[in-house]
Amino acid sequence: MTPADKSEFGQLLAETLAAYGKPLPEATMVKAWLANLAPFPMSVVRAAMQAYRDQNGEFAPVPAGIAMRCKLLDGRPGAEEAWAIALRSQDEADTVVWTAECAAAFALASPILALGDEVGARMAFKEAYVRMVAAARADCVPATWSVSIGWDGARRDAAISRAVVAGQLPAPAAQVMLGGPAGGEADTDAARAQLAKVRQLLADGAAMRDARREAAFDARVAAEDAERLARAQQVAEYAMQHGLNLPKASAASPGARHAANGIAALPADTSLQKNRPGRL
């Protein structure tokens, strides 16, 4: 949404909550709504709200739930439909309008298909496609559509016209392609550039996910350390109150944290270190 959409969204939110007998929330909650739905166009937010009202008549919506619906309304086809679209690119006469994930997944499956193993190619395509779409939706990346133009002009015009009606291509860009020359080196260069862009987006998304996993792992280890320290302090206080003498573990020792819990010290190369995300 854009800043200009805030007024329309406020009206939409008020109408939606009123249908469930709820008043407009406080300003902090409205900010939460805007923050969750900011990556999505107003048309998608409106459709997600309507879909929720149609399917859930008992409980009022929450920001995270509507955001999830917006992600599913991004226009990306399902895996089976995407495979059917990708197969049409094998026909050089046909013009194909497909998403970045569809094109990238088919590029991975094409060598298998060239060997005559259509079942294996389809399985590889679906696995790659589902993974790419899930990653794009997790990062709130909108669907991007591109055109692979075939030599048949009639098929080209029909495919591009359908894409415009479906909202997959903007009319000005489609007008340039309608009735124009098909094929050529320029199309090949554009396809290569588009594929390079897709690969870079996927690489950036993978790097971001690895960083998040690293941060989550470090936070979990820090929480475990804090819990062990608190437990060790409780044991020490109990021993002091009851006059017990317990062996003290050095904090510098590799197994100090485990010794504080009565667990034998582990060697420096522990299984926890071996399983650290992003490490081999």
C-alpha atoms as a PDB file:
ATOM      1  CA  MET A   1       0.000   0.000   0.000  1.00  0.00           C
ATOM      2  CA  THR A   2       1.015   3.591  -0.561  1.00  0.00           C
ATOM      3  CA  PRO A   3       0.485   6.522   1.834  1.00  0.00           C
ATOM      4  CA  ALA A   4      -2.404   7.584  -0.387  1.00  0.00           C
ATOM      5  CA  ASP A   5      -4.159   4.274   0.399  1.00  0.00           C
ATOM      6  CA  LYS A   6      -4.301   4.865   4.168  1.00  0.00           C
ATOM      7  CA  SER A   7      -7.658   6.646   4.074  1.00  0.00           C
ATOM      8  CA  GLU A   8      -9.236   3.936   1.928  1.00  0.00           C
ATOM      9  CA  PHE A   9      -7.758   1.229   4.121  1.00  0.00           C
ATOM     10  CA  GLY A  10      -9.078   2.895   7.268  1.00  0.00           C
ATOM     11  CA  GLN A  11     -12.566   2.860   5.786  1.00  0.00           C
ATOM     12  CA  LEU A  12     -12.179  -0.778   4.695  1.00  0.00           C
ATOM     13  CA  LEU A  13     -10.952  -1.811   8.154  1.00  0.00           C
ATOM     14  CA  ALA A  14     -13.805   0.021   9.887  1.00  0.00           C
ATOM     15  CA  GLU A  15     -16.401  -1.631   7.651  1.00  0.00           C
ATOM     16  CA  THR A  16     -14.857  -5.073   8.100  1.00  0.00           C
ATOM     17  CA  LEU A  17     -14.662  -4.861  11.887  1.00  0.00           C
ATOM     18  CA  ALA A  18     -18.175  -3.407  12.056  1.00  0.00           C
ATOM     19  CA  ALA A  19     -19.454  -6.549  10.362  1.00  0.00           C
ATOM     20  CA  TYR A  20     -18.195  -8.468  13.422  1.00  0.00           C
ATOM     21  CA  GLY A  21     -19.535  -5.934  15.922  1.00  0.00           C
ATOM     22  CA  LYS A  22     -16.068  -4.547  16.630  1.00  0.00           C
ATOM     23  CA  PRO A  23     -15.108  -0.853  16.819  1.00  0.00           C
ATOM     24  CA  LEU A  24     -12.129   0.628  14.999  1.00  0.00           C
ATOM     25  CA  PRO A  25      -9.013  -0.294  17.037  1.00  0.00           C
ATOM     26  CA  GLU A  26      -6.687   2.149  18.771  1.00  0.00           C
ATOM     27  CA  ALA A  27      -3.945   3.960  16.869  1.00  0.00           C
ATOM     28  CA  THR A  28      -1.243   1.461  17.869  1.00  0.00           C
ATOM     29  CA  MET A  29      -3.291  -1.428  16.489  1.00  0.00           C
ATOM     30  CA  VAL A  30      -3.984   0.476  13.266  1.00  0.00           C
ATOM     31  CA  LYS A  31      -0.213   0.932  12.892  1.00  0.00           C
ATOM     32  CA  ALA A  32       0.182  -2.832  13.266  1.00  0.00           C
ATOM     33  CA  TRP A  33      -2.365  -3.369  10.499  1.00  0.00           C
ATOM     34  CA  LEU A  34      -0.541  -0.950   8.207  1.00  0.00           C
ATOM     35  CA  ALA A  35       2.868  -2.473   8.972  1.00  0.00           C
ATOM     36  CA  ASN A  36       1.659  -6.009   8.188  1.00  0.00           C
ATOM     37  CA  LEU A  37      -0.119  -5.048   4.977  1.00  0.00           C
ATOM     38  CA  ALA A  38       2.323  -2.417   3.663  1.00  0.00           C
ATOM     39  CA  PRO A  39       4.008  -4.771   1.127  1.00  0.00           C
ATOM     40  CA  PHE A  40       0.727  -5.530  -0.683  1.00  0.00           C
ATOM     41  CA  PRO A  41      -1.273  -3.444  -3.190  1.00  0.00           C
ATOM     42  CA  MET A  42      -4.573  -2.047  -1.977  1.00  0.00           C
ATOM     43  CA  SER A  43      -6.458  -4.196  -4.484  1.00  0.00           C
ATOM     44  CA  VAL A  44      -4.961  -7.353  -2.963  1.00  0.00           C
ATOM     45  CA  VAL A  45      -5.709  -6.188   0.594  1.00  0.00           C
ATOM     46  CA  ARG A  46      -9.310  -5.490  -0.396  1.00  0.00           C
ATOM     47  CA  ALA A  47      -9.649  -8.939  -1.968  1.00  0.00           C
ATOM     48  CA  ALA A  48      -8.132 -10.608   1.106  1.00  0.00           C
ATOM     49  CA  MET A  49     -10.549  -8.811   3.423  1.00  0.00           C
ATOM     50  CA  GLN A  50     -13.514  -9.805   1.259  1.00  0.00           C
ATOM     51  CA  ALA A  51     -12.361 -13.422   1.116  1.00  0.00           C
ATOM     52  CA  TYR A  52     -12.044 -13.500   4.891  1.00  0.00           C
ATOM     53  CA  ARG A  53     -15.544 -12.091   5.389  1.00  0.00           C
ATOM     54  CA  ASP A  54     -16.956 -14.634   2.953  1.00  0.00           C
ATOM     55  CA  GLN A  55     -15.326 -17.589   4.703  1.00  0.00           C
ATOM     56  CA  ASN A  56     -15.236 -16.552   8.382  1.00  0.00           C
ATOM     57  CA  GLY A  57     -18.419 -15.174   9.830  1.00  0.00           C
ATOM     58  CA  GLU A  58     -17.637 -15.657  13.516  1.00  0.00           C
ATOM     59  CA  PHE A  59     -14.267 -14.154  14.434  1.00  0.00           C
ATOM     60  CA  ALA A  60     -12.873 -10.756  13.429  1.00  0.00           C
ATOM     61  CA  PRO A  61      -9.688 -10.775  11.325  1.00  0.00           C
ATOM     62  CA  VAL A  62      -6.209 -10.037  12.665  1.00  0.00           C
ATOM     63  CA  PRO A  63      -3.303  -8.417  10.764  1.00  0.00           C
ATOM     64  CA  ALA A  64      -1.192 -11.573  10.415  1.00  0.00           C
ATOM     65  CA  GLY A  65      -4.120 -13.575   9.053  1.00  0.00           C
ATOM     66  CA  ILE A  66      -4.954 -11.021   6.374  1.00  0.00           C
ATOM     67  CA  ALA A  67      -1.261 -10.698   5.461  1.00  0.00           C
ATOM     68  CA  MET A  68      -1.104 -14.464   4.893  1.00  0.00           C
ATOM     69  CA  ARG A  69      -4.148 -14.272   2.638  1.00  0.00           C
ATOM     70  CA  CYS A  70      -2.526 -11.442   0.695  1.00  0.00           C
ATOM     71  CA  LYS A  71       0.517 -13.621   0.052  1.00  0.00           C
ATOM     72  CA  LEU A  72      -1.693 -16.380  -1.316  1.00  0.00           C
ATOM     73  CA  LEU A  73      -3.452 -13.875  -3.580  1.00  0.00           C
ATOM     74  CA  ASP A  74      -0.240 -12.756  -5.316  1.00  0.00           C
ATOM     75  CA  GLY A  75      -1.361 -14.348  -8.605  1.00  0.00           C
ATOM     76  CA  ARG A  76       1.310 -17.034  -8.744  1.00  0.00           C
ATOM     77  CA  PRO A  77      -0.111 -20.256 -10.228  1.00  0.00           C
ATOM     78  CA  GLY A  78      -0.005 -23.531  -8.349  1.00  0.00           C
ATOM     79  CA  ALA A  79       2.721 -26.052  -9.062  1.00  0.00           C
ATOM     80  CA  GLU A  80       0.646 -28.175 -11.457  1.00  0.00           C
ATOM     81  CA  GLU A  81      -0.597 -25.158 -13.412  1.00  0.00           C
ATOM     82  CA  ALA A  82       2.917 -23.730 -13.545  1.00  0.00           C
ATOM     83  CA  TRP A  83       4.215 -27.019 -14.975  1.00  0.00           C
ATOM     84  CA  ALA A  84       1.565 -26.944 -17.691  1.00  0.00           C
ATOM     85  CA  ILE A  85       2.548 -23.359 -18.541  1.00  0.00           C
ATOM     86  CA  ALA A  86       6.235 -24.222 -18.612  1.00  0.00           C
ATOM     87  CA  LEU A  87       5.713 -27.196 -20.931  1.00  0.00           C
ATOM     88  CA  ARG A  88       4.266 -24.864 -23.550  1.00  0.00           C
ATOM     89  CA  SER A  89       7.642 -23.152 -23.811  1.00  0.00           C
ATOM     90  CA  GLN A  90       8.910 -26.324 -25.527  1.00  0.00           C
ATOM     91  CA  ASP A  91       6.877 -25.305 -28.569  1.00  0.00           C
ATOM     92  CA  GLU A  92       8.888 -22.583 -30.323  1.00  0.00           C
ATOM     93  CA  ALA A  93       5.750 -21.352 -32.057  1.00  0.00           C
ATOM     94  CA  ASP A  94       3.950 -20.650 -28.793  1.00  0.00           C
ATOM     95  CA  THR A  95       4.231 -17.535 -26.639  1.00  0.00           C
ATOM     96  CA  VAL A  96       4.391 -18.146 -22.907  1.00  0.00           C
ATOM     97  CA  VAL A  97       3.671 -15.656 -20.124  1.00  0.00           C
ATOM     98  CA  TRP A  98       5.136 -17.017 -16.911  1.00  0.00           C
ATOM     99  CA  THR A  99       6.431 -15.955 -13.509  1.00  0.00           C
ATOM    100  CA  ALA A 100      10.072 -15.636 -12.554  1.00  0.00           C
ATOM    101  CA  GLU A 101       9.822 -18.753 -10.368  1.00  0.00           C
ATOM    102  CA  CYS A 102       8.206 -20.758 -13.171  1.00  0.00           C
ATOM    103  CA  ALA A 103      10.965 -19.816 -15.615  1.00  0.00           C
ATOM    104  CA  ALA A 104      13.743 -20.528 -13.108  1.00  0.00           C
ATOM    105  CA  ALA A 105      12.290 -23.892 -12.024  1.00  0.00           C
ATOM    106  CA  PHE A 106      11.855 -24.991 -15.631  1.00  0.00           C
ATOM    107  CA  ALA A 107      15.461 -24.038 -16.366  1.00  0.00           C
ATOM    108  CA  LEU A 108      16.462 -26.556 -13.674  1.00  0.00           C
ATOM    109  CA  ALA A 109      14.132 -29.271 -14.963  1.00  0.00           C
ATOM    110  CA  SER A 110      14.816 -28.818 -18.693  1.00  0.00           C
ATOM    111  CA  PRO A 111      17.979 -30.994 -18.799  1.00  0.00           C
ATOM    112  CA  ILE A 112      16.033 -33.889 -17.277  1.00  0.00           C
ATOM    113  CA  LEU A 113      13.188 -33.380 -19.743  1.00  0.00           C
ATOM    114  CA  ALA A 114      15.708 -33.363 -22.612  1.00  0.00           C
ATOM    115  CA  LEU A 115      16.764 -36.882 -21.557  1.00  0.00           C
ATOM    116  CA  GLY A 116      13.186 -38.067 -22.062  1.00  0.00           C
ATOM    117  CA  ASP A 117      12.310 -38.404 -18.371  1.00  0.00           C
ATOM    118  CA  GLU A 118       9.148 -36.289 -18.173  1.00  0.00           C
ATOM    119  CA  VAL A 119       8.115 -37.729 -14.810  1.00  0.00           C
ATOM    120  CA  GLY A 120      11.493 -36.912 -13.262  1.00  0.00           C
ATOM    121  CA  ALA A 121      11.479 -33.453 -14.831  1.00  0.00           C
ATOM    122  CA  ARG A 122       8.011 -32.753 -13.486  1.00  0.00           C
ATOM    123  CA  MET A 123       9.015 -33.829  -9.975  1.00  0.00           C
ATOM    124  CA  ALA A 124      12.169 -31.704 -10.068  1.00  0.00           C
ATOM    125  CA  PHE A 125      10.220 -28.724 -11.398  1.00  0.00           C
ATOM    126  CA  LYS A 126       7.494 -28.950  -8.755  1.00  0.00           C
ATOM    127  CA  GLU A 127       9.977 -29.273  -5.893  1.00  0.00           C
ATOM    128  CA  ALA A 128      12.025 -26.297  -7.094  1.00  0.00           C
ATOM    129  CA  TYR A 129       8.951 -24.213  -7.906  1.00  0.00           C
ATOM    130  CA  VAL A 130       7.262 -24.764  -4.546  1.00  0.00           C
ATOM    131  CA  ARG A 131      10.502 -23.899  -2.753  1.00  0.00           C
ATOM    132  CA  MET A 132      11.025 -20.713  -4.774  1.00  0.00           C
ATOM    133  CA  VAL A 133       7.435 -19.528  -4.355  1.00  0.00           C
ATOM    134  CA  ALA A 134       7.539 -20.168  -0.605  1.00  0.00           C
ATOM    135  CA  ALA A 135      10.780 -18.193  -0.325  1.00  0.00           C
ATOM    136  CA  ALA A 136       9.390 -15.307  -2.371  1.00  0.00           C
ATOM    137  CA  ARG A 137       6.193 -15.169  -0.320  1.00  0.00           C
ATOM    138  CA  ALA A 138       8.123 -15.320   2.953  1.00  0.00           C
ATOM    139  CA  ASP A 139      10.113 -12.270   1.805  1.00  0.00           C
ATOM    140  CA  CYS A 140       6.948 -10.530   0.461  1.00  0.00           C
ATOM    141  CA  VAL A 141       8.330 -10.474  -3.095  1.00  0.00           C
ATOM    142  CA  PRO A 142       5.484  -9.727  -5.544  1.00  0.00           C
ATOM    143  CA  ALA A 143       4.933 -11.924  -8.580  1.00  0.00           C
ATOM    144  CA  THR A 144       6.775 -10.763 -11.694  1.00  0.00           C
ATOM    145  CA  TRP A 145       5.602 -11.906 -15.112  1.00  0.00           C
ATOM    146  CA  SER A 146       7.687 -12.072 -18.261  1.00  0.00           C
ATOM    147  CA  VAL A 147       6.994 -13.072 -21.860  1.00  0.00           C
ATOM    148  CA  SER A 148       8.800 -15.721 -23.880  1.00  0.00           C
ATOM    149  CA  ILE A 149       7.746 -14.887 -27.443  1.00  0.00           C
ATOM    150  CA  GLY A 150       7.241 -17.603 -30.050  1.00  0.00           C
ATOM    151  CA  TRP A 151       7.348 -17.214 -33.818  1.00  0.00           C
ATOM    152  CA  ASP A 152       3.589 -17.609 -34.355  1.00  0.00           C
ATOM    153  CA  GLY A 153       2.158 -14.073 -34.370  1.00  0.00           C
ATOM    154  CA  ALA A 154      -1.459 -15.123 -33.797  1.00  0.00           C
ATOM    155  CA  ARG A 155      -0.566 -17.171 -30.718  1.00  0.00           C
ATOM    156  CA  ARG A 156       1.620 -14.342 -29.478  1.00  0.00           C
ATOM    157  CA  ASP A 157      -1.160 -11.760 -29.688  1.00  0.00           C
ATOM    158  CA  ALA A 158      -3.673 -14.119 -28.050  1.00  0.00           C
ATOM    159  CA  ALA A 159      -1.321 -14.984 -25.149  1.00  0.00           C
ATOM    160  CA  ILE A 160      -0.364 -11.371 -24.475  1.00  0.00           C
ATOM    161  CA  SER A 161      -3.994 -10.226 -24.654  1.00  0.00           C
ATOM    162  CA  ARG A 162      -5.016 -12.885 -22.125  1.00  0.00           C
ATOM    163  CA  ALA A 163      -2.185 -11.789 -19.827  1.00  0.00           C
ATOM    164  CA  VAL A 164      -3.355  -8.164 -19.961  1.00  0.00           C
ATOM    165  CA  VAL A 165      -6.926  -9.163 -19.108  1.00  0.00           C
ATOM    166  CA  ALA A 166      -5.651 -11.295 -16.222  1.00  0.00           C
ATOM    167  CA  GLY A 167      -3.624  -8.378 -14.882  1.00  0.00           C
ATOM    168  CA  GLN A 168      -0.313 -10.131 -15.432  1.00  0.00           C
ATOM    169  CA  LEU A 169       1.071  -7.550 -17.875  1.00  0.00           C
ATOM    170  CA  PRO A 170       0.561  -3.776 -18.006  1.00  0.00           C
ATOM    171  CA  ALA A 171      -1.248  -2.607 -21.123  1.00  0.00           C
ATOM    172  CA  PRO A 172       1.478  -0.181 -22.334  1.00  0.00           C
ATOM    173  CA  ALA A 173       4.151  -2.879 -22.257  1.00  0.00           C
ATOM    174  CA  ALA A 174       1.838  -5.367 -23.944  1.00  0.00           C
ATOM    175  CA  GLN A 175       0.991  -2.911 -26.698  1.00  0.00           C
ATOM    176  CA  VAL A 176       4.640  -2.749 -27.699  1.00  0.00           C
ATOM    177  CA  MET A 177       4.751  -6.527 -28.138  1.00  0.00           C
ATOM    178  CA  LEU A 178       1.412  -6.897 -29.923  1.00  0.00           C
ATOM    179  CA  GLY A 179       1.852  -7.041 -33.656  1.00  0.00           C
ATOM    180  CA  GLY A 180       5.630  -6.623 -33.378  1.00  0.00           C
ATOM    181  CA  PRO A 181       8.319  -8.942 -34.704  1.00  0.00           C
ATOM    182  CA  ALA A 182       8.641 -12.269 -32.927  1.00  0.00           C
ATOM    183  CA  GLY A 183      11.822 -13.934 -31.828  1.00  0.00           C
ATOM    184  CA  GLY A 184      15.268 -12.486 -32.406  1.00  0.00           C
ATOM    185  CA  GLU A 185      18.468 -11.982 -30.483  1.00  0.00           C
ATOM    186  CA  ALA A 186      16.924  -9.237 -28.355  1.00  0.00           C
ATOM    187  CA  ASP A 187      14.431 -11.715 -26.879  1.00  0.00           C
ATOM    188  CA  THR A 188      17.245 -14.119 -26.049  1.00  0.00           C
ATOM    189  CA  ASP A 189      19.237 -11.378 -24.325  1.00  0.00           C
ATOM    190  CA  ALA A 190      16.168 -10.260 -22.382  1.00  0.00           C
ATOM    191  CA  ALA A 191      15.458 -13.828 -21.256  1.00  0.00           C
ATOM    192  CA  ARG A 192      19.047 -14.258 -20.102  1.00  0.00           C
ATOM    193  CA  ALA A 193      18.915 -10.972 -18.204  1.00  0.00           C
ATOM    194  CA  GLN A 194      15.626 -11.979 -16.579  1.00  0.00           C
ATOM    195  CA  LEU A 195      17.006 -15.370 -15.532  1.00  0.00           C
ATOM    196  CA  ALA A 196      20.143 -13.724 -14.099  1.00  0.00           C
ATOM    197  CA  LYS A 197      17.918 -11.381 -12.099  1.00  0.00           C
ATOM    198  CA  VAL A 198      15.882 -14.315 -10.776  1.00  0.00           C
ATOM    199  CA  ARG A 199      19.024 -16.174  -9.707  1.00  0.00           C
ATOM    200  CA  GLN A 200      20.313 -13.083  -7.907  1.00  0.00           C
ATOM    201  CA  LEU A 201      16.994 -12.619  -6.107  1.00  0.00           C
ATOM    202  CA  LEU A 202      17.044 -16.259  -5.000  1.00  0.00           C
ATOM    203  CA  ALA A 203      20.665 -15.955  -3.827  1.00  0.00           C
ATOM    204  CA  ASP A 204      19.866 -12.797  -1.850  1.00  0.00           C
ATOM    205  CA  GLY A 205      16.821 -14.464  -0.312  1.00  0.00           C
ATOM    206  CA  ALA A 206      18.888 -17.516   0.693  1.00  0.00           C
ATOM    207  CA  ALA A 207      21.511 -15.275   2.313  1.00  0.00           C
ATOM    208  CA  MET A 208      18.817 -13.446   4.292  1.00  0.00           C
ATOM    209  CA  ARG A 209      17.299 -16.718   5.486  1.00  0.00           C
ATOM    210  CA  ASP A 210      20.716 -18.034   6.542  1.00  0.00           C
ATOM    211  CA  ALA A 211      21.341 -14.828   8.502  1.00  0.00           C
ATOM    212  CA  ARG A 212      17.972 -15.182  10.241  1.00  0.00           C
ATOM    213  CA  ARG A 213      18.727 -18.803  11.125  1.00  0.00           C
ATOM    214  CA  GLU A 214      22.124 -17.765  12.526  1.00  0.00           C
ATOM    215  CA  ALA A 215      20.518 -15.051  14.648  1.00  0.00           C
ATOM    216  CA  ALA A 216      17.829 -17.431  15.901  1.00  0.00           C
ATOM    217  CA  PHE A 217      20.468 -20.045  16.791  1.00  0.00           C
ATOM    218  CA  ASP A 218      22.591 -17.499  18.678  1.00  0.00           C
ATOM    219  CA  ALA A 219      19.532 -16.267  20.563  1.00  0.00           C
ATOM    220  CA  ARG A 220      18.606 -19.838  21.508  1.00  0.00           C
ATOM    221  CA  VAL A 221      22.139 -20.573  22.763  1.00  0.00           C
ATOM    222  CA  ALA A 222      22.154 -17.337  24.761  1.00  0.00           C
ATOM    223  CA  ALA A 223      18.818 -18.239  26.343  1.00  0.00           C
ATOM    224  CA  GLU A 224      20.106 -21.724  27.228  1.00  0.00           C
ATOM    225  CA  ASP A 225      23.234 -20.215  28.781  1.00  0.00           C
ATOM    226  CA  ALA A 226      21.127 -17.819  30.853  1.00  0.00           C
ATOM    227  CA  GLU A 227      18.928 -20.689  32.008  1.00  0.00           C
ATOM    228  CA  ARG A 228      21.950 -22.795  32.986  1.00  0.00           C
ATOM    229  CA  LEU A 229      23.453 -19.877  34.906  1.00  0.00           C
ATOM    230  CA  ALA A 230      20.217 -19.271  36.784  1.00  0.00           C
ATOM    231  CA  ARG A 231      19.974 -22.963  37.620  1.00  0.00           C
ATOM    232  CA  ALA A 232      23.578 -23.024  38.827  1.00  0.00           C
ATOM    233  CA  GLN A 233      22.924 -20.021  41.055  1.00  0.00           C
ATOM    234  CA  GLN A 234      19.882 -21.736  42.542  1.00  0.00           C
ATOM    235  CA  VAL A 235      21.985 -24.835  43.272  1.00  0.00           C
ATOM    236  CA  ALA A 236      24.696 -22.702  44.882  1.00  0.00           C
ATOM    237  CA  GLU A 237      22.163 -20.873  47.068  1.00  0.00           C
ATOM    238  CA  TYR A 238      20.593 -24.168  48.117  1.00  0.00           C
ATOM    239  CA  ALA A 239      24.022 -25.594  48.990  1.00  0.00           C
ATOM    240  CA  MET A 240      24.900 -22.505  51.026  1.00  0.00           C
ATOM    241  CA  GLN A 241      21.632 -22.637  52.956  1.00  0.00           C
ATOM    242  CA  HIS A 242      22.126 -26.323  53.817  1.00  0.00           C
ATOM    243  CA  GLY A 243      25.867 -26.239  54.412  1.00  0.00           C
ATOM    244  CA  LEU A 244      26.754 -28.407  51.433  1.00  0.00           C
ATOM    245  CA  ASN A 245      30.112 -28.283  49.663  1.00  0.00           C
ATOM    246  CA  LEU A 246      29.876 -28.613  45.877  1.00  0.00           C
ATOM    247  CA  PRO A 247      32.816 -28.685  43.447  1.00  0.00           C
ATOM    248  CA  LYS A 248      33.125 -25.452  41.494  1.00  0.00           C
ATOM    249  CA  ALA A 249      33.491 -25.540  37.695  1.00  0.00           C
ATOM    250  CA  SER A 250      35.683 -22.953  36.043  1.00  0.00           C
ATOM    251  CA  ALA A 251      33.824 -20.661  33.657  1.00  0.00           C
ATOM    252  CA  ALA A 252      36.758 -20.930  31.267  1.00  0.00           C
ATOM    253  CA  SER A 253      36.443 -24.702  31.106  1.00  0.00           C
ATOM    254  CA  PRO A 254      34.826 -26.061  27.895  1.00  0.00           C
ATOM    255  CA  GLY A 255      32.439 -28.108  30.035  1.00  0.00           C
ATOM    256  CA  ALA A 256      31.769 -25.494  32.712  1.00  0.00           C
ATOM    257  CA  ARG A 257      28.146 -24.967  31.759  1.00  0.00           C
ATOM    258  CA  HIS A 258      27.446 -28.700  31.819  1.00  0.00           C
ATOM    259  CA  ALA A 259      29.355 -29.230  35.079  1.00  0.00           C
ATOM    260  CA  ALA A 260      27.169 -26.609  36.749  1.00  0.00           C
ATOM    261  CA  ASN A 261      24.215 -28.846  35.976  1.00  0.00           C
ATOM    262  CA  GLY A 262      25.919 -32.014  37.124  1.00  0.00           C
ATOM    263  CA  ILE A 263      26.618 -33.119  33.538  1.00  0.00           C
ATOM    264  CA  ALA A 264      29.980 -34.452  32.485  1.00  0.00           C
ATOM    265  CA  ALA A 265      32.126 -31.972  30.550  1.00  0.00           C
ATOM    266  CA  LEU A 266      32.013 -32.393  26.791  1.00  0.00           C
ATOM    267  CA  PRO A 267      35.022 -32.028  24.500  1.00  0.00           C
ATOM    268  CA  ALA A 268      35.443 -28.726  22.662  1.00  0.00           C
ATOM    269  CA  ASP A 269      34.078 -30.162  19.379  1.00  0.00           C
ATOM    270  CA  THR A 270      30.538 -30.815  20.568  1.00  0.00           C
ATOM    271  CA  SER A 271      27.561 -31.967  18.528  1.00  0.00           C
ATOM    272  CA  LEU A 272      25.993 -28.559  19.077  1.00  0.00           C
ATOM    273  CA  GLN A 273      28.882 -26.912  17.248  1.00  0.00           C
ATOM    274  CA  LYS A 274      28.693 -29.463  14.462  1.00  0.00           C
ATOM    275  CA  ASN A 275      25.014 -28.760  13.913  1.00  0.00           C
ATOM    276  CA  ARG A 276      25.307 -24.975  13.852  1.00  0.00           C
ATOM    277  CA  PRO A 277      23.249 -23.610  10.936  1.00  0.00           C
ATOM    278  CA  GLY A 278      25.303 -22.505   7.978  1.00  0.00           C
ATOM    279  CA  ARG A 279      28.332 -24.555   9.027  1.00  0.00           C
ATOM    280  CA  LEU A 280      29.679 -27.790   7.559  1.00  0.00           C
END
